[in-house]
């Protein structure tokens, strides 16, 4: 690690990995079993390719997928999305290691305690690379929703009756209920940003007019970086800029649905807070929040009396005024491994040099993911052609949407058809497409 521009930077370090390379292949030996690309097994057992990413290169690294591949009669198909993602083998290893070697607490000089301190420091640094922030600006919590409620409880104490809170009609409930409760307790007024029914994008022109005509003081804005229902990527940078120009004090971005597909950049967005959950990107049920350090250091928090009132540093044993009680070291270890796995996609398939800064490798890794998802979206659309029960009416462009296709017509028929095929044991590709379509067409209940 080194300090650059006031931020700790982490370099990609190889960890134990599941997958090709464990079968006795020599480091660097070419594997000709995959004719679509040259595959080279690195010294740490990870596969590096000189061609496009292929799912077959990494399936064996995911324990559940490896188990399915070993049993051709296993009928399971994982439609990752609202339910999260499958866990990478390195995450399982890291969590197991933490439970064996880091079952302690930080702040002491014996080995297991020092191991915990090193883990939290390294993980927080990786989290900072994930957000593009400083390590002291990373806050851990069990879920995005719990972190949002914790933040709402803090912000409630700073709002006044008549202040205005701006929410969007494109949100997951986890990015709505905490702020509605906050507004209720503070006596603030809630204003809603509408959706364009044709493009599913937020009407930021309406937001601009609402901000300009606000009767109370505009204090708070919350929106998602991408919609869970339609996959639409919202113009977070513009929305935040409009809010800040109108004097809004707090801007919150829900990046849970965005984070598995594209790289978060809180500096580019200019937001004050941003939330994500590792189980959406190959990790455990562990969430992280970015908070602007000036706010994290001064906002009221709920904590026990002996707890620190500082932000975390290595010198202060990584203790934070925002994290209540003993940290879940095993899930933090899993979150770290998940970040490193995405970064490894950049060094293995994205042309990024081994040893590059984590943020650089993450960028290359997300480019690999985006390219693969674009190909899947094309296959999805092709699979819908000619199907009586499917009529896609909104094919989102890759520059404004996370490869989501909204099929509004006959959605019940799609689900019924897929369910019948599953019960008959004939869950084929069309049934798979039907279920994916249903995931894409769920409606927001806000």
Protein backbone atom coordinates (compact mmCIF):
# COMPACT_ATOMS: atom_id res chain seq x y z
CA UNK A 1 0.00 0.00 0.00
CA UNK A 2 1.06 3.57 -0.52
CA UNK A 3 -0.42 6.97 0.07
CA UNK A 4 -1.28 8.95 -3.07
CA UNK A 5 -3.16 12.20 -3.07
CA UNK A 6 -4.22 11.71 0.52
CA UNK A 7 -5.88 8.34 -0.19
CA UNK A 8 -4.63 4.89 0.63
CA UNK A 9 -4.28 2.86 -2.54
CA UNK A 10 -4.35 -0.92 -2.57
CA UNK A 11 -2.59 -3.06 -5.11
CA UNK A 12 -4.13 -6.28 -6.35
CA UNK A 13 -2.64 -9.15 -4.40
CA UNK A 14 -3.28 -12.76 -5.41
CA UNK A 15 -5.31 -14.86 -3.00
CA UNK A 16 -6.25 -18.51 -2.98
CA UNK A 17 -8.77 -19.13 -5.77
CA UNK A 18 -11.02 -21.90 -6.93
CA UNK A 19 -10.79 -22.95 -10.55
CA UNK A 20 -8.37 -23.91 -13.30
CA UNK A 21 -4.78 -24.25 -12.25
CA UNK A 22 -5.36 -26.57 -9.30
CA UNK A 23 -5.08 -29.68 -11.43
CA UNK A 24 -1.31 -29.76 -11.64
CA UNK A 25 -0.85 -27.47 -14.64
CA UNK A 26 2.47 -25.70 -14.65
CA UNK A 27 2.41 -21.91 -14.27
CA UNK A 28 2.27 -20.27 -17.68
CA UNK A 29 1.50 -23.46 -19.56
CA UNK A 30 -0.98 -22.94 -22.38
CA UNK A 31 -4.23 -24.88 -22.27
CA UNK A 32 -5.55 -25.74 -25.73
CA UNK A 33 -8.88 -27.10 -24.46
CA UNK A 34 -10.59 -23.80 -25.21
CA UNK A 35 -10.20 -23.02 -28.90
CA UNK A 36 -11.91 -19.61 -28.70
CA UNK A 37 -9.04 -18.00 -26.78
CA UNK A 38 -5.55 -18.78 -25.54
CA UNK A 39 -5.64 -19.58 -21.85
CA UNK A 40 -2.60 -19.27 -19.62
CA UNK A 41 -2.57 -20.49 -16.04
CA UNK A 42 -0.77 -18.01 -13.80
CA UNK A 43 1.44 -18.99 -10.89
CA UNK A 44 -1.34 -18.29 -8.40
CA UNK A 45 -3.67 -20.71 -10.19
CA UNK A 46 -5.80 -18.08 -11.95
CA UNK A 47 -6.52 -18.19 -15.66
CA UNK A 48 -5.41 -15.28 -17.86
CA UNK A 49 -6.65 -15.08 -21.44
CA UNK A 50 -5.57 -13.18 -24.50
CA UNK A 51 -9.07 -13.24 -25.96
CA UNK A 52 -12.66 -12.43 -24.93
CA UNK A 53 -14.02 -13.48 -21.57
CA UNK A 54 -15.79 -16.85 -21.57
CA UNK A 55 -18.01 -18.02 -18.66
CA UNK A 56 -16.41 -21.47 -18.93
CA UNK A 57 -13.16 -19.94 -17.68
CA UNK A 58 -14.58 -19.13 -14.26
CA UNK A 59 -17.58 -21.42 -13.62
CA UNK A 60 -15.49 -23.87 -11.60
CA UNK A 61 -14.42 -21.03 -9.30
CA UNK A 62 -17.99 -20.73 -7.97
CA UNK A 63 -18.62 -23.72 -5.67
CA UNK A 64 -22.34 -24.01 -6.40
CA UNK A 65 -21.81 -23.87 -10.18
CA UNK A 66 -18.99 -26.39 -9.95
CA UNK A 67 -21.31 -28.72 -8.02
CA UNK A 68 -24.01 -28.38 -10.68
CA UNK A 69 -21.53 -29.05 -13.47
CA UNK A 70 -20.43 -32.24 -11.72
CA UNK A 71 -24.02 -33.50 -11.62
CA UNK A 72 -25.78 -33.39 -15.01
CA UNK A 73 -29.10 -34.29 -13.35
CA UNK A 74 -29.06 -31.17 -11.14
CA UNK A 75 -31.97 -29.02 -12.43
CA UNK A 76 -31.05 -25.74 -10.75
CA UNK A 77 -30.75 -22.54 -12.78
CA UNK A 78 -29.77 -19.36 -10.94
CA UNK A 79 -31.49 -16.18 -12.17
CA UNK A 80 -29.29 -13.79 -10.23
CA UNK A 81 -30.65 -10.31 -9.73
CA UNK A 82 -33.14 -9.37 -7.00
CA UNK A 83 -31.97 -12.34 -4.93
CA UNK A 84 -28.30 -11.47 -5.26
CA UNK A 85 -25.46 -13.37 -6.89
CA UNK A 86 -23.67 -16.64 -6.32
CA UNK A 87 -20.61 -16.49 -4.06
CA UNK A 88 -17.12 -16.85 -5.49
CA UNK A 89 -14.91 -19.53 -3.97
CA UNK A 90 -12.37 -16.98 -2.76
CA UNK A 91 -15.14 -15.41 -0.67
CA UNK A 92 -15.83 -18.75 1.00
CA UNK A 93 -12.12 -19.21 1.70
CA UNK A 94 -11.73 -15.70 3.11
CA UNK A 95 -14.74 -16.05 5.42
CA UNK A 96 -13.55 -19.44 6.63
CA UNK A 97 -10.08 -18.06 7.30
CA UNK A 98 -11.54 -15.16 9.27
CA UNK A 99 -13.61 -17.52 11.42
CA UNK A 100 -10.52 -19.63 12.13
CA UNK A 101 -7.75 -17.07 12.45
CA UNK A 102 -9.49 -13.78 13.21
CA UNK A 103 -12.00 -14.66 15.95
CA UNK A 104 -11.03 -11.85 18.26
CA UNK A 105 -11.51 -8.13 18.60
CA UNK A 106 -9.30 -5.30 17.49
CA UNK A 107 -7.22 -3.18 19.82
CA UNK A 108 -4.95 -5.79 21.40
CA UNK A 109 -1.40 -6.99 20.73
CA UNK A 110 -1.95 -10.72 20.37
CA UNK A 111 -1.96 -12.42 16.97
CA UNK A 112 -5.67 -12.92 16.29
CA UNK A 113 -6.43 -9.31 17.27
CA UNK A 114 -3.67 -7.99 15.01
CA UNK A 115 -5.03 -10.20 12.22
CA UNK A 116 -8.44 -8.57 12.69
CA UNK A 117 -6.94 -5.10 12.52
CA UNK A 118 -5.05 -5.92 9.33
CA UNK A 119 -8.20 -7.41 7.78
CA UNK A 120 -10.40 -4.39 8.53
CA UNK A 121 -7.75 -1.94 7.34
CA UNK A 122 -7.21 -3.85 4.07
CA UNK A 123 -10.95 -4.30 3.51
CA UNK A 124 -11.73 -0.66 4.20
CA UNK A 125 -9.00 0.34 1.75
CA UNK A 126 -10.53 -1.97 -0.87
CA UNK A 127 -13.96 -0.48 -0.13
CA UNK A 128 -12.49 2.96 -0.69
CA UNK A 129 -11.23 1.82 -4.10
CA UNK A 130 -14.70 0.47 -4.87
CA UNK A 131 -16.34 3.84 -4.09
CA UNK A 132 -13.40 6.08 -5.14
CA UNK A 133 -13.13 7.69 -1.72
CA UNK A 134 -10.91 7.63 1.38
CA UNK A 135 -10.82 4.68 3.74
CA UNK A 136 -12.23 6.71 6.64
CA UNK A 137 -15.32 7.40 4.52
CA UNK A 138 -16.34 3.71 4.36
CA UNK A 139 -18.99 2.54 6.87
CA UNK A 140 -19.97 -1.12 7.33
CA UNK A 141 -23.46 -2.40 8.10
CA UNK A 142 -25.52 -5.59 7.80
CA UNK A 143 -27.78 -4.38 4.96
CA UNK A 144 -28.28 -1.34 2.78
CA UNK A 145 -31.68 -0.78 4.38
CA UNK A 146 -30.31 -0.86 7.92
CA UNK A 147 -27.57 1.61 6.98
CA UNK A 148 -30.18 3.88 5.38
CA UNK A 149 -32.33 3.80 8.53
CA UNK A 150 -29.26 4.53 10.65
CA UNK A 151 -28.40 7.51 8.44
CA UNK A 152 -32.04 8.66 8.46
CA UNK A 153 -32.04 8.64 12.27
CA UNK A 154 -29.00 10.87 12.24
CA UNK A 155 -30.29 13.29 9.61
CA UNK A 156 -33.68 13.58 11.32
CA UNK A 157 -31.99 15.48 14.12
CA UNK A 158 -30.75 18.14 11.67
CA UNK A 159 -34.00 18.79 9.76
CA UNK A 160 -36.66 21.34 10.65
CA UNK A 161 -40.45 21.41 10.13
CA UNK A 162 -41.26 22.59 6.62
CA UNK A 163 -37.94 21.50 5.10
CA UNK A 164 -38.34 19.71 1.78
CA UNK A 165 -37.24 16.15 0.99
CA UNK A 166 -37.04 14.94 -2.63
CA UNK A 167 -37.53 11.26 -3.49
CA UNK A 168 -37.95 9.47 -6.81
CA UNK A 169 -40.66 7.20 -8.23
CA UNK A 170 -38.03 4.74 -9.43
CA UNK A 171 -36.79 3.46 -6.11
CA UNK A 172 -36.41 0.23 -4.21
CA UNK A 173 -38.35 0.52 -0.96
CA UNK A 174 -35.07 0.48 0.95
CA UNK A 175 -34.38 3.91 -0.51
CA UNK A 176 -37.85 5.24 0.34
CA UNK A 177 -39.11 4.10 3.76
CA UNK A 178 -36.13 5.41 5.77
CA UNK A 179 -36.55 8.89 4.30
CA UNK A 180 -40.34 8.90 4.67
CA UNK A 181 -39.88 8.10 8.34
CA UNK A 182 -37.21 10.79 8.58
CA UNK A 183 -39.54 13.36 7.03
CA UNK A 184 -42.43 12.30 9.28
CA UNK A 185 -40.39 12.66 12.46
CA UNK A 186 -38.90 15.99 11.38
CA UNK A 187 -42.15 17.45 10.01
CA UNK A 188 -40.58 17.83 6.57
CA UNK A 189 -42.48 17.86 3.26
CA UNK A 190 -41.90 15.06 0.73
CA UNK A 191 -41.79 15.88 -2.98
CA UNK A 192 -41.69 13.18 -5.66
CA UNK A 193 -39.61 13.16 -8.87
CA UNK A 194 -41.75 11.54 -11.60
CA UNK A 195 -40.69 9.03 -14.24
CA UNK A 196 -40.96 9.49 -17.98
CA UNK A 197 -43.39 6.66 -18.95
CA UNK A 198 -41.71 6.17 -22.32
CA UNK A 199 -38.05 6.07 -21.33
CA UNK A 200 -38.35 5.16 -17.63
CA UNK A 201 -35.86 7.92 -16.84
CA UNK A 202 -36.32 10.45 -14.06
CA UNK A 203 -37.82 13.79 -15.05
CA UNK A 204 -34.93 15.93 -13.90
CA UNK A 205 -36.51 18.94 -15.61
CA UNK A 206 -39.40 18.55 -13.15
CA UNK A 207 -36.92 18.22 -10.27
CA UNK A 208 -35.28 21.46 -11.34
CA UNK A 209 -38.65 23.26 -11.33
CA UNK A 210 -39.60 21.77 -7.96
CA UNK A 211 -36.33 22.88 -6.43
CA UNK A 212 -36.78 26.39 -7.79
CA UNK A 213 -40.37 26.64 -6.52
CA UNK A 214 -39.85 24.98 -3.13
CA UNK A 215 -41.86 26.68 -0.40
CA UNK A 216 -39.61 25.30 2.34
CA UNK A 217 -35.85 24.88 2.37
CA UNK A 218 -34.66 22.03 0.09
CA UNK A 219 -32.58 19.80 2.39
CA UNK A 220 -32.46 16.24 1.10
CA UNK A 221 -32.40 14.23 -2.16
CA UNK A 222 -32.36 10.43 -2.53
CA UNK A 223 -32.30 8.50 -5.79
CA UNK A 224 -31.03 5.24 -7.21
CA UNK A 225 -28.13 5.06 -9.60
CA UNK A 226 -30.07 2.38 -11.48
CA UNK A 227 -33.66 1.18 -11.20
CA UNK A 228 -34.30 -2.31 -9.81
CA UNK A 229 -37.49 -2.49 -11.89
CA UNK A 230 -36.28 -1.37 -15.33
CA UNK A 231 -32.49 -1.26 -15.10
CA UNK A 232 -32.49 2.38 -16.21
CA UNK A 233 -29.31 4.24 -15.29
CA UNK A 234 -30.22 7.65 -13.96
CA UNK A 235 -28.18 10.81 -14.47
CA UNK A 236 -26.96 10.94 -10.88
CA UNK A 237 -24.33 13.58 -11.55
CA UNK A 238 -26.88 16.02 -12.98
CA UNK A 239 -29.47 15.32 -10.28
CA UNK A 240 -26.94 15.92 -7.51
CA UNK A 241 -25.67 19.07 -9.22
CA UNK A 242 -29.22 20.45 -9.45
CA UNK A 243 -29.81 19.69 -5.79
CA UNK A 244 -26.56 21.25 -4.64
CA UNK A 245 -27.20 24.38 -6.73
CA UNK A 246 -30.52 24.76 -4.89
CA UNK A 247 -28.86 24.46 -1.49
CA UNK A 248 -29.67 20.83 -0.67
CA UNK A 249 -27.51 19.67 2.24
CA UNK A 250 -27.68 15.90 1.84
CA UNK A 251 -27.70 13.76 -1.31
CA UNK A 252 -27.97 9.96 -1.07
CA UNK A 253 -27.43 7.47 -3.91
CA UNK A 254 -28.64 3.87 -3.73
CA UNK A 255 -26.12 1.97 -5.87
CA UNK A 256 -27.17 -1.56 -4.90
CA UNK A 257 -28.54 -2.44 -8.34
CA UNK A 258 -25.89 -0.41 -10.17
CA UNK A 259 -22.79 -1.82 -8.48
CA UNK A 260 -22.80 -5.34 -10.04
CA UNK A 261 -22.68 -3.86 -13.54
CA UNK A 262 -20.70 -0.62 -13.55
CA UNK A 263 -18.10 1.02 -11.36
CA UNK A 264 -19.26 3.47 -8.70
CA UNK A 265 -17.60 6.88 -8.66
CA UNK A 266 -18.76 9.08 -5.79
CA UNK A 267 -16.29 11.79 -6.76
CA UNK A 268 -17.80 12.04 -10.23
CA UNK A 269 -21.35 11.99 -8.89
CA UNK A 270 -20.63 14.54 -6.17
CA UNK A 271 -23.02 12.84 -3.72
CA UNK A 272 -22.75 12.96 0.07
CA UNK A 273 -23.67 9.31 0.72
CA UNK A 274 -23.76 6.13 -1.37
CA UNK A 275 -24.82 2.61 -0.42
CA UNK A 276 -24.15 -0.84 -1.86
CA UNK A 277 -24.44 -4.50 -0.83
CA UNK A 278 -21.72 -7.09 -1.46
CA UNK A 279 -24.18 -9.95 -1.98
CA UNK A 280 -25.12 -8.28 -5.26
CA UNK A 281 -21.53 -8.62 -6.53
CA UNK A 282 -20.42 -12.15 -5.60
CA UNK A 283 -19.88 -11.47 -1.89
CA UNK A 284 -21.68 -12.20 1.41
CA UNK A 285 -24.59 -10.39 3.02
CA UNK A 286 -22.54 -7.35 3.98
CA UNK A 287 -23.22 -3.73 3.04
CA UNK A 288 -21.09 -0.61 2.78
CA UNK A 289 -21.88 3.07 2.86
CA UNK A 290 -19.74 5.92 1.58
CA UNK A 291 -20.16 9.12 3.54
CA UNK A 292 -18.43 12.43 2.96
CA UNK A 293 -15.95 12.64 5.83
CA UNK A 294 -16.94 16.17 6.83
CA UNK A 295 -20.48 14.91 7.42
CA UNK A 296 -19.51 11.60 9.01
CA UNK A 297 -17.34 13.48 11.49
CA UNK A 298 -20.01 15.95 12.59
CA UNK A 299 -23.48 14.39 12.23
CA UNK A 300 -25.03 12.96 15.42
CA UNK A 301 -24.69 9.20 15.81
CA UNK A 302 -26.20 6.53 18.05
CA UNK A 303 -23.52 4.61 19.97
CA UNK A 304 -22.51 3.39 23.39
CA UNK A 305 -20.77 5.92 25.64
CA UNK A 306 -17.23 4.40 25.55
CA UNK A 307 -17.23 4.12 21.75
CA UNK A 308 -14.94 6.36 19.74
CA UNK A 309 -16.19 9.65 18.38
CA UNK A 310 -13.64 9.58 15.57
CA UNK A 311 -13.49 8.27 12.02
CA UNK A 312 -11.43 5.12 11.44
CA UNK A 313 -7.68 5.15 10.88
CA UNK A 314 -5.06 2.46 11.27
CA UNK A 315 -3.67 4.33 14.26
CA UNK A 316 -7.11 4.34 15.96
CA UNK A 317 -7.57 0.60 15.37
CA UNK A 318 -10.03 1.22 12.51
CA UNK A 319 -12.78 2.10 14.98
CA UNK A 320 -15.60 4.31 13.64
CA UNK A 321 -18.21 6.42 15.39
CA UNK A 322 -20.73 5.01 12.89
CA UNK A 323 -20.15 1.30 13.49
CA UNK A 324 -21.90 -0.05 16.58
CA UNK A 325 -20.32 -2.92 18.48
CA UNK A 326 -17.90 -5.56 17.23
CA UNK A 327 -17.61 -5.73 13.46
CA UNK A 328 -18.54 -8.96 11.61
CA UNK A 329 -14.98 -9.77 10.56
CA UNK A 330 -15.93 -12.85 8.54
CA UNK A 331 -18.34 -10.97 6.24
CA UNK A 332 -15.91 -8.08 5.92
CA UNK A 333 -13.32 -10.63 4.79
CA UNK A 334 -15.82 -11.93 2.24
CA UNK A 335 -16.52 -8.41 0.96
CA UNK A 336 -12.78 -7.85 0.52
CA UNK A 337 -12.46 -11.08 -1.45
CA UNK A 338 -15.39 -10.08 -3.68
CA UNK A 339 -13.75 -6.74 -4.52
CA UNK A 340 -10.51 -8.56 -5.31
CA UNK A 341 -12.38 -11.04 -7.53
CA UNK A 342 -13.88 -8.26 -9.68
CA UNK A 343 -10.45 -6.62 -9.88
CA UNK A 344 -9.00 -9.98 -10.95
CA UNK A 345 -11.33 -10.02 -13.97
CA UNK A 346 -9.48 -6.92 -15.13
CA UNK A 347 -6.04 -8.51 -14.77
CA UNK A 348 -7.10 -11.88 -16.17
CA UNK A 349 -9.36 -10.89 -19.06
CA UNK A 350 -9.26 -7.10 -19.34
CA UNK A 351 -5.63 -6.48 -20.17
CA UNK A 352 -4.83 -4.77 -16.85
CA UNK A 353 -1.35 -5.42 -15.49
CA UNK A 354 -0.99 -7.62 -12.44
CA UNK A 355 -0.06 -5.38 -9.51
CA UNK A 356 -2.04 -2.41 -10.79
CA UNK A 357 -3.88 -0.22 -8.32
CA UNK A 358 -7.15 -1.83 -7.26
CA UNK A 359 -9.24 1.02 -8.68
CA UNK A 360 -7.58 0.59 -12.08
CA UNK A 361 -8.09 -3.17 -12.06
CA UNK A 362 -11.72 -2.74 -11.00
CA UNK A 363 -12.31 -0.48 -13.99
CA UNK A 364 -10.94 -3.12 -16.34
CA UNK A 365 -12.97 -5.81 -14.56
CA UNK A 366 -16.22 -3.89 -14.93
CA UNK A 367 -15.43 -3.38 -18.63
CA UNK A 368 -15.20 -7.16 -18.97
CA UNK A 369 -18.56 -7.53 -17.21
CA UNK A 370 -20.24 -4.86 -19.36
CA UNK A 371 -19.04 -6.46 -22.59
CA UNK A 372 -20.35 -9.87 -21.53
CA UNK A 373 -23.70 -8.44 -20.42
CA UNK A 374 -24.15 -6.67 -23.76
CA UNK A 375 -23.80 -10.03 -25.53
CA UNK A 376 -26.33 -11.61 -23.15
CA UNK A 377 -28.81 -8.79 -23.80
CA UNK A 378 -28.58 -9.39 -27.55
CA UNK A 379 -29.23 -13.09 -26.99
CA UNK A 380 -32.19 -12.23 -24.77
CA UNK A 381 -33.82 -10.07 -27.45
CA UNK A 382 -33.18 -12.68 -30.12
CA UNK A 383 -34.79 -15.33 -27.92
CA UNK A 384 -37.97 -13.29 -27.57
CA UNK A 385 -38.49 -12.93 -31.32
CA UNK A 386 -41.46 -14.88 -32.57
CA UNK A 387 -42.76 -15.76 -29.09
CA UNK A 388 -46.49 -15.18 -28.88
CA UNK A 389 -46.52 -14.27 -25.20
CA UNK A 390 -43.63 -11.81 -25.38
CA UNK A 391 -43.75 -8.38 -26.95
CA UNK A 392 -40.77 -6.27 -25.91
CA UNK A 393 -41.76 -2.61 -26.09
CA UNK A 394 -38.74 -0.99 -24.46
CA UNK A 395 -35.28 -2.10 -25.55
CA UNK A 396 -32.96 0.04 -23.49
CA UNK A 397 -29.74 1.33 -24.98
CA UNK A 398 -26.53 0.09 -23.36
CA UNK A 399 -25.46 3.65 -22.55
CA UNK A 400 -28.55 4.36 -20.46
CA UNK A 401 -29.63 1.00 -19.09
CA UNK A 402 -28.20 -2.07 -17.41
CA UNK A 403 -29.17 -4.35 -20.27
CA UNK A 404 -32.81 -4.61 -19.17
CA UNK A 405 -35.66 -5.39 -21.55
CA UNK A 406 -39.14 -4.47 -20.38
CA UNK A 407 -41.81 -6.84 -21.68
CA UNK A 408 -45.15 -5.55 -20.46
CA UNK A 409 -47.49 -7.66 -22.59
CA UNK A 410 -48.78 -10.99 -21.36
CA UNK A 411 -46.37 -11.17 -18.41
CA UNK A 412 -48.68 -13.59 -16.58
CA UNK A 413 -48.62 -15.92 -19.56
CA UNK A 414 -44.83 -15.78 -19.53
CA UNK A 415 -44.65 -16.81 -15.89
CA UNK A 416 -47.32 -19.50 -16.25
CA UNK A 417 -45.55 -20.94 -19.28
CA UNK A 418 -42.20 -21.01 -17.51
CA UNK A 419 -43.75 -22.58 -14.39
CA UNK A 420 -45.46 -25.35 -16.38
CA UNK A 421 -42.21 -26.19 -18.16
CA UNK A 422 -40.38 -26.30 -14.84
CA UNK A 423 -42.94 -28.72 -13.32
CA UNK A 424 -42.65 -30.95 -16.40
CA UNK A 425 -38.86 -30.97 -16.06
CA UNK A 426 -38.49 -29.17 -19.40
CA UNK A 427 -37.12 -25.85 -18.14
CA UNK A 428 -35.52 -24.88 -21.45
CA UNK A 429 -33.95 -21.67 -22.73
CA UNK A 430 -37.33 -20.07 -23.50
CA UNK A 431 -38.54 -20.71 -19.94
CA UNK A 432 -35.32 -19.15 -18.71
CA UNK A 433 -35.98 -16.07 -20.84
CA UNK A 434 -39.53 -15.87 -19.49
CA UNK A 435 -38.31 -15.75 -15.90
CA UNK A 436 -35.67 -13.15 -16.74
CA UNK A 437 -38.38 -11.07 -18.40
CA UNK A 438 -40.45 -11.26 -15.24
CA UNK A 439 -37.48 -10.01 -13.20
CA UNK A 440 -37.15 -7.09 -15.61
CA UNK A 441 -40.83 -6.12 -15.52
CA UNK A 442 -41.54 -5.97 -11.81
CA UNK A 443 -43.21 -2.68 -11.01
CA UNK A 444 -42.16 -0.21 -8.37
CA UNK A 445 -44.74 0.06 -5.59
CA UNK A 446 -43.64 3.49 -4.40
